[in-house]
Amino acid sequence: MSSYGLLQGLSGARYDAVEKTLYLNPSLKGDFRCFLSTATGYGTVGMRRGRPFLEVKAGTIEVKETQFRA
């Protein structure tokens, strides 16, 4: 569990399944990719060319809104 805390601390990625909102507040500068796991799916989240992204690898992660802070 502490490993997930490190991932969230660096990426600032948090998913709210009730609101279907992905929050991204990275401590890292520049492009990066990080693992994200939810109750319904998993994939990668990060920054690419200054824009946030989510790539679902298995299952589903329904996102209606992304809140991003640089």
PDB file of N, CA and C in Angstrom:
ATOM      1  N   MET A   1       0.819  -1.193   0.000  1.00  0.00           N
ATOM      2  CA  MET A   1       0.000   0.000   0.000  1.00  0.00           C
ATOM      3  C   MET A   1       0.863   1.257   0.000  1.00  0.00           C
ATOM      4  N   SER A   2       1.998   1.231   0.653  1.00  0.00           N
ATOM      5  CA  SER A   2       2.831   2.430   0.681  1.00  0.00           C
ATOM      6  C   SER A   2       3.356   2.769  -0.707  1.00  0.00           C
ATOM      7  N   SER A   3       3.519   1.771  -1.578  1.00  0.00           N
ATOM      8  CA  SER A   3       3.960   2.035  -2.954  1.00  0.00           C
ATOM      9  C   SER A   3       2.931   2.872  -3.702  1.00  0.00           C
ATOM     10  N   TYR A   4       1.637   2.599  -3.485  1.00  0.00           N
ATOM     11  CA  TYR A   4       0.601   3.397  -4.118  1.00  0.00           C
ATOM     12  C   TYR A   4       0.636   4.837  -3.609  1.00  0.00           C
ATOM     13  N   GLY A   5       1.005   5.023  -2.360  1.00  0.00           N
ATOM     14  CA  GLY A   5       1.139   6.368  -1.806  1.00  0.00           C
ATOM     15  C   GLY A   5       2.231   7.153  -2.515  1.00  0.00           C
ATOM     16  N   LEU A   6       3.325   6.485  -2.856  1.00  0.00           N
ATOM     17  CA  LEU A   6       4.402   7.142  -3.608  1.00  0.00           C
ATOM     18  C   LEU A   6       3.930   7.532  -5.003  1.00  0.00           C
ATOM     19  N   LEU A   7       3.208   6.632  -5.667  1.00  0.00           N
ATOM     20  CA  LEU A   7       2.697   6.943  -7.000  1.00  0.00           C
ATOM     21  C   LEU A   7       1.757   8.143  -6.967  1.00  0.00           C
ATOM     22  N   GLN A   8       0.862   8.162  -5.995  1.00  0.00           N
ATOM     23  CA  GLN A   8      -0.073   9.277  -5.889  1.00  0.00           C
ATOM     24  C   GLN A   8       0.649  10.560  -5.514  1.00  0.00           C
ATOM     25  N   GLY A   9       1.668  10.466  -4.666  1.00  0.00           N
ATOM     26  CA  GLY A   9       2.424  11.656  -4.281  1.00  0.00           C
ATOM     27  C   GLY A   9       3.170  12.278  -5.446  1.00  0.00           C
ATOM     28  N   LEU A  10       3.750  11.466  -6.302  1.00  0.00           N
ATOM     29  CA  LEU A  10       4.492  11.987  -7.453  1.00  0.00           C
ATOM     30  C   LEU A  10       3.571  12.457  -8.578  1.00  0.00           C
ATOM     31  N   SER A  11       2.576  11.637  -8.902  1.00  0.00           N
ATOM     32  CA  SER A  11       1.718  11.955 -10.045  1.00  0.00           C
ATOM     33  C   SER A  11       0.572  12.893  -9.668  1.00  0.00           C
ATOM     34  N   GLY A  12       0.186  12.865  -8.413  1.00  0.00           N
ATOM     35  CA  GLY A  12      -0.974  13.651  -7.994  1.00  0.00           C
ATOM     36  C   GLY A  12      -2.261  13.105  -8.578  1.00  0.00           C
ATOM     37  N   ALA A  13      -2.233  11.862  -9.072  1.00  0.00           N
ATOM     38  CA  ALA A  13      -3.403  11.260  -9.707  1.00  0.00           C
ATOM     39  C   ALA A  13      -4.335  10.676  -8.653  1.00  0.00           C
ATOM     40  N   ARG A  14      -5.603  11.052  -8.776  1.00  0.00           N
ATOM     41  CA  ARG A  14      -6.640  10.525  -7.886  1.00  0.00           C
ATOM     42  C   ARG A  14      -7.935  10.438  -8.678  1.00  0.00           C
ATOM     43  N   TYR A  15      -8.628   9.331  -8.533  1.00  0.00           N
ATOM     44  CA  TYR A  15      -9.882   9.123  -9.256  1.00  0.00           C
ATOM     45  C   TYR A  15     -11.040   9.057  -8.275  1.00  0.00           C
ATOM     46  N   ASP A  16     -12.075   9.854  -8.512  1.00  0.00           N
ATOM     47  CA  ASP A  16     -13.293   9.848  -7.713  1.00  0.00           C
ATOM     48  C   ASP A  16     -14.366   9.126  -8.521  1.00  0.00           C
ATOM     49  N   ALA A  17     -14.691   7.885  -8.130  1.00  0.00           N
ATOM     50  CA  ALA A  17     -15.630   7.064  -8.890  1.00  0.00           C
ATOM     51  C   ALA A  17     -17.063   7.576  -8.783  1.00  0.00           C
ATOM     52  N   VAL A  18     -17.409   8.231  -7.702  1.00  0.00           N
ATOM     53  CA  VAL A  18     -18.769   8.749  -7.536  1.00  0.00           C
ATOM     54  C   VAL A  18     -18.989   9.925  -8.492  1.00  0.00           C
ATOM     55  N   GLU A  19     -18.055  10.869  -8.495  1.00  0.00           N
ATOM     56  CA  GLU A  19     -18.146  12.046  -9.360  1.00  0.00           C
ATOM     57  C   GLU A  19     -17.629  11.774 -10.769  1.00  0.00           C
ATOM     58  N   LYS A  20     -16.943  10.627 -10.950  1.00  0.00           N
ATOM     59  CA  LYS A  20     -16.307  10.251 -12.217  1.00  0.00           C
ATOM     60  C   LYS A  20     -15.339  11.340 -12.678  1.00  0.00           C
ATOM     61  N   THR A  21     -14.521  11.788 -11.717  1.00  0.00           N
ATOM     62  CA  THR A  21     -13.556  12.854 -11.964  1.00  0.00           C
ATOM     63  C   THR A  21     -12.150  12.336 -11.732  1.00  0.00           C
ATOM     64  N   LEU A  22     -11.256  12.642 -12.652  1.00  0.00           N
ATOM     65  CA  LEU A  22      -9.840  12.331 -12.518  1.00  0.00           C
ATOM     66  C   LEU A  22      -9.119  13.605 -12.130  1.00  0.00           C
ATOM     67  N   TYR A  23      -8.433  13.569 -11.001  1.00  0.00           N
ATOM     68  CA  TYR A  23      -7.647  14.710 -10.526  1.00  0.00           C
ATOM     69  C   TYR A  23      -6.185  14.427 -10.811  1.00  0.00           C
ATOM     70  N   LEU A  24      -5.488  15.419 -11.355  1.00  0.00           N
ATOM     71  CA  LEU A  24      -4.076  15.269 -11.653  1.00  0.00           C
ATOM     72  C   LEU A  24      -3.356  16.527 -11.205  1.00  0.00           C
ATOM     73  N   ASN A  25      -2.528  16.388 -10.181  1.00  0.00           N
ATOM     74  CA  ASN A  25      -1.777  17.493  -9.605  1.00  0.00           C
ATOM     75  C   ASN A  25      -0.330  17.026  -9.412  1.00  0.00           C
ATOM     76  N   PRO A  26       0.452  16.927 -10.498  1.00  0.00           N
ATOM     77  CA  PRO A  26       1.769  16.288 -10.425  1.00  0.00           C
ATOM     78  C   PRO A  26       2.825  17.108  -9.698  1.00  0.00           C
ATOM     79  N   SER A  27       3.684  16.391  -8.985  1.00  0.00           N
ATOM     80  CA  SER A  27       4.878  16.993  -8.396  1.00  0.00           C
ATOM     81  C   SER A  27       6.010  17.015  -9.411  1.00  0.00           C
ATOM     82  N   LEU A  28       5.880  16.161 -10.426  1.00  0.00           N
ATOM     83  CA  LEU A  28       6.889  16.043 -11.471  1.00  0.00           C
ATOM     84  C   LEU A  28       6.699  17.127 -12.521  1.00  0.00           C
ATOM     85  N   LYS A  29       7.778  17.550 -13.137  1.00  0.00           N
ATOM     86  CA  LYS A  29       7.723  18.504 -14.241  1.00  0.00           C
ATOM     87  C   LYS A  29       7.962  17.755 -15.541  1.00  0.00           C
ATOM     88  N   GLY A  30       7.308  18.180 -16.594  1.00  0.00           N
ATOM     89  CA  GLY A  30       7.498  17.549 -17.894  1.00  0.00           C
ATOM     90  C   GLY A  30       6.613  16.327 -18.074  1.00  0.00           C
ATOM     91  N   ASP A  31       6.902  15.577 -19.126  1.00  0.00           N
ATOM     92  CA  ASP A  31       6.126  14.388 -19.463  1.00  0.00           C
ATOM     93  C   ASP A  31       6.429  13.237 -18.504  1.00  0.00           C
ATOM     94  N   PHE A  32       5.402  12.469 -18.162  1.00  0.00           N
ATOM     95  CA  PHE A  32       5.585  11.272 -17.343  1.00  0.00           C
ATOM     96  C   PHE A  32       4.395  10.355 -17.533  1.00  0.00           C
ATOM     97  N   ARG A  33       4.542   9.119 -17.124  1.00  0.00           N
ATOM     98  CA  ARG A  33       3.487   8.102 -17.172  1.00  0.00           C
ATOM     99  C   ARG A  33       3.518   7.366 -15.835  1.00  0.00           C
ATOM    100  N   CYS A  34       2.338   7.082 -15.282  1.00  0.00           N
ATOM    101  CA  CYS A  34       2.247   6.447 -13.977  1.00  0.00           C
ATOM    102  C   CYS A  34       1.079   5.459 -13.967  1.00  0.00           C
ATOM    103  N   PHE A  35       1.200   4.392 -13.194  1.00  0.00           N
ATOM    104  CA  PHE A  35       0.149   3.382 -13.051  1.00  0.00           C
ATOM    105  C   PHE A  35      -1.020   3.941 -12.253  1.00  0.00           C
ATOM    106  N   LEU A  36      -2.250   3.612 -12.675  1.00  0.00           N
ATOM    107  CA  LEU A  36      -3.461   3.986 -11.954  1.00  0.00           C
ATOM    108  C   LEU A  36      -4.368   2.760 -11.884  1.00  0.00           C
ATOM    109  N   SER A  37      -4.831   2.431 -10.694  1.00  0.00           N
ATOM    110  CA  SER A  37      -5.714   1.284 -10.497  1.00  0.00           C
ATOM    111  C   SER A  37      -6.971   1.742  -9.768  1.00  0.00           C
ATOM    112  N   THR A  38      -8.137   1.307 -10.265  1.00  0.00           N
ATOM    113  CA  THR A  38      -9.414   1.611  -9.622  1.00  0.00           C
ATOM    114  C   THR A  38     -10.151   0.291  -9.394  1.00  0.00           C
ATOM    115  N   ALA A  39     -11.334   0.363  -8.807  1.00  0.00           N
ATOM    116  CA  ALA A  39     -12.124  -0.845  -8.562  1.00  0.00           C
ATOM    117  C   ALA A  39     -12.623  -1.482  -9.852  1.00  0.00           C
ATOM    118  N   THR A  40     -12.702  -0.710 -10.938  1.00  0.00           N
ATOM    119  CA  THR A  40     -13.277  -1.223 -12.187  1.00  0.00           C
ATOM    120  C   THR A  40     -12.271  -1.400 -13.318  1.00  0.00           C
ATOM    121  N   GLY A  41     -11.049  -0.942 -13.135  1.00  0.00           N
ATOM    122  CA  GLY A  41     -10.059  -1.072 -14.204  1.00  0.00           C
ATOM    123  C   GLY A  41      -8.715  -0.521 -13.802  1.00  0.00           C
ATOM    124  N   TYR A  42      -7.754  -0.665 -14.716  1.00  0.00           N
ATOM    125  CA  TYR A  42      -6.427  -0.094 -14.474  1.00  0.00           C
ATOM    126  C   TYR A  42      -5.818   0.368 -15.793  1.00  0.00           C
ATOM    127  N   GLY A  43      -4.819   1.210 -15.662  1.00  0.00           N
ATOM    128  CA  GLY A  43      -4.142   1.738 -16.842  1.00  0.00           C
ATOM    129  C   GLY A  43      -3.041   2.690 -16.441  1.00  0.00           C
ATOM    130  N   THR A  44      -2.739   3.628 -17.324  1.00  0.00           N
ATOM    131  CA  THR A  44      -1.713   4.611 -17.037  1.00  0.00           C
ATOM    132  C   THR A  44      -2.296   6.014 -17.175  1.00  0.00           C
ATOM    133  N   VAL A  45      -1.732   6.902 -16.411  1.00  0.00           N
ATOM    134  CA  VAL A  45      -2.132   8.299 -16.404  1.00  0.00           C
ATOM    135  C   VAL A  45      -0.861   9.130 -16.394  1.00  0.00           C
ATOM    136  N   GLY A  46      -0.926  10.327 -16.918  1.00  0.00           N
ATOM    137  CA  GLY A  46       0.268  11.168 -16.901  1.00  0.00           C
ATOM    138  C   GLY A  46       0.114  12.400 -17.754  1.00  0.00           C
ATOM    139  N   MET A  47       1.271  12.941 -18.138  1.00  0.00           N
ATOM    140  CA  MET A  47       1.339  14.147 -18.953  1.00  0.00           C
ATOM    141  C   MET A  47       2.072  13.819 -20.248  1.00  0.00           C
ATOM    142  N   ARG A  48       1.533  14.321 -21.338  1.00  0.00           N
ATOM    143  CA  ARG A  48       2.172  14.161 -22.640  1.00  0.00           C
ATOM    144  C   ARG A  48       2.056  15.502 -23.373  1.00  0.00           C
ATOM    145  N   ARG A  49       3.207  16.104 -23.666  1.00  0.00           N
ATOM    146  CA  ARG A  49       3.253  17.410 -24.354  1.00  0.00           C
ATOM    147  C   ARG A  49       2.421  18.460 -23.627  1.00  0.00           C
ATOM    148  N   GLY A  50       2.499  18.439 -22.284  1.00  0.00           N
ATOM    149  CA  GLY A  50       1.821  19.444 -21.476  1.00  0.00           C
ATOM    150  C   GLY A  50       0.339  19.218 -21.250  1.00  0.00           C
ATOM    151  N   ARG A  51      -0.175  18.062 -21.689  1.00  0.00           N
ATOM    152  CA  ARG A  51      -1.599  17.776 -21.515  1.00  0.00           C
ATOM    153  C   ARG A  51      -1.783  16.459 -20.764  1.00  0.00           C
ATOM    154  N   PRO A  52      -2.774  16.399 -19.858  1.00  0.00           N
ATOM    155  CA  PRO A  52      -3.021  15.149 -19.120  1.00  0.00           C
ATOM    156  C   PRO A  52      -3.645  14.087 -20.022  1.00  0.00           C
ATOM    157  N   PHE A  53      -3.364  12.812 -19.707  1.00  0.00           N
ATOM    158  CA  PHE A  53      -3.963  11.714 -20.459  1.00  0.00           C
ATOM    159  C   PHE A  53      -4.265  10.540 -19.529  1.00  0.00           C
ATOM    160  N   LEU A  54      -5.174   9.695 -19.963  1.00  0.00           N
ATOM    161  CA  LEU A  54      -5.518   8.439 -19.294  1.00  0.00           C
ATOM    162  C   LEU A  54      -5.646   7.382 -20.367  1.00  0.00           C
ATOM    163  N   GLU A  55      -4.922   6.277 -20.215  1.00  0.00           N
ATOM    164  CA  GLU A  55      -5.025   5.137 -21.122  1.00  0.00           C
ATOM    165  C   GLU A  55      -5.441   3.925 -20.305  1.00  0.00           C
ATOM    166  N   VAL A  56      -6.657   3.456 -20.515  1.00  0.00           N
ATOM    167  CA  VAL A  56      -7.179   2.297 -19.797  1.00  0.00           C
ATOM    168  C   VAL A  56      -6.665   1.032 -20.487  1.00  0.00           C
ATOM    169  N   LYS A  57      -6.026   0.150 -19.720  1.00  0.00           N
ATOM    170  CA  LYS A  57      -5.466  -1.092 -20.265  1.00  0.00           C
ATOM    171  C   LYS A  57      -6.413  -2.272 -20.095  1.00  0.00           C
ATOM    172  N   ALA A  58      -7.180  -2.302 -19.012  1.00  0.00           N
ATOM    173  CA  ALA A  58      -8.134  -3.386 -18.766  1.00  0.00           C
ATOM    174  C   ALA A  58      -9.301  -2.847 -17.939  1.00  0.00           C
ATOM    175  N   GLY A  59     -10.495  -3.366 -18.185  1.00  0.00           N
ATOM    176  CA  GLY A  59     -11.674  -2.900 -17.461  1.00  0.00           C
ATOM    177  C   GLY A  59     -12.144  -1.566 -17.999  1.00  0.00           C
ATOM    178  N   THR A  60     -12.790  -0.798 -17.135  1.00  0.00           N
ATOM    179  CA  THR A  60     -13.273   0.528 -17.518  1.00  0.00           C
ATOM    180  C   THR A  60     -12.967   1.528 -16.420  1.00  0.00           C
ATOM    181  N   ILE A  61     -12.680   2.736 -16.814  1.00  0.00           N
ATOM    182  CA  ILE A  61     -12.532   3.868 -15.896  1.00  0.00           C
ATOM    183  C   ILE A  61     -13.287   5.016 -16.557  1.00  0.00           C
ATOM    184  N   GLU A  62     -14.525   5.233 -16.104  1.00  0.00           N
ATOM    185  CA  GLU A  62     -15.364   6.264 -16.711  1.00  0.00           C
ATOM    186  C   GLU A  62     -14.988   7.630 -16.140  1.00  0.00           C
ATOM    187  N   VAL A  63     -14.569   8.529 -17.017  1.00  0.00           N
ATOM    188  CA  VAL A  63     -14.170   9.877 -16.614  1.00  0.00           C
ATOM    189  C   VAL A  63     -15.044  10.884 -17.353  1.00  0.00           C
ATOM    190  N   LYS A  64     -15.795  11.677 -16.581  1.00  0.00           N
ATOM    191  CA  LYS A  64     -16.610  12.737 -17.157  1.00  0.00           C
ATOM    192  C   LYS A  64     -15.872  14.069 -17.110  1.00  0.00           C
ATOM    193  N   GLU A  65     -14.934  14.212 -16.171  1.00  0.00           N
ATOM    194  CA  GLU A  65     -14.210  15.472 -16.002  1.00  0.00           C
ATOM    195  C   GLU A  65     -12.792  15.183 -15.530  1.00  0.00           C
ATOM    196  N   THR A  66     -11.850  15.972 -16.020  1.00  0.00           N
ATOM    197  CA  THR A  66     -10.477  15.922 -15.550  1.00  0.00           C
ATOM    198  C   THR A  66     -10.111  17.279 -14.967  1.00  0.00           C
ATOM    199  N   GLN A  67      -9.659  17.276 -13.733  1.00  0.00           N
ATOM    200  CA  GLN A  67      -9.192  18.516 -13.101  1.00  0.00           C
ATOM    201  C   GLN A  67      -7.687  18.437 -12.992  1.00  0.00           C
ATOM    202  N   PHE A  68      -7.006  19.402 -13.599  1.00  0.00           N
ATOM    203  CA  PHE A  68      -5.558  19.385 -13.725  1.00  0.00           C
ATOM    204  C   PHE A  68      -4.966  20.669 -13.169  1.00  0.00           C
ATOM    205  N   ARG A  69      -3.896  20.499 -12.411  1.00  0.00           N
ATOM    206  CA  ARG A  69      -3.114  21.646 -11.917  1.00  0.00           C
ATOM    207  C   ARG A  69      -1.661  21.417 -12.269  1.00  0.00           C
ATOM    208  N   ALA A  70      -1.071  22.388 -12.897  1.00  0.00           N
ATOM    209  CA  ALA A  70       0.346  22.268 -13.301  1.00  0.00           C
ATOM    210  C   ALA A  70       1.256  22.641 -12.158  1.00  0.00           C
TER     211      ALA A  70
END
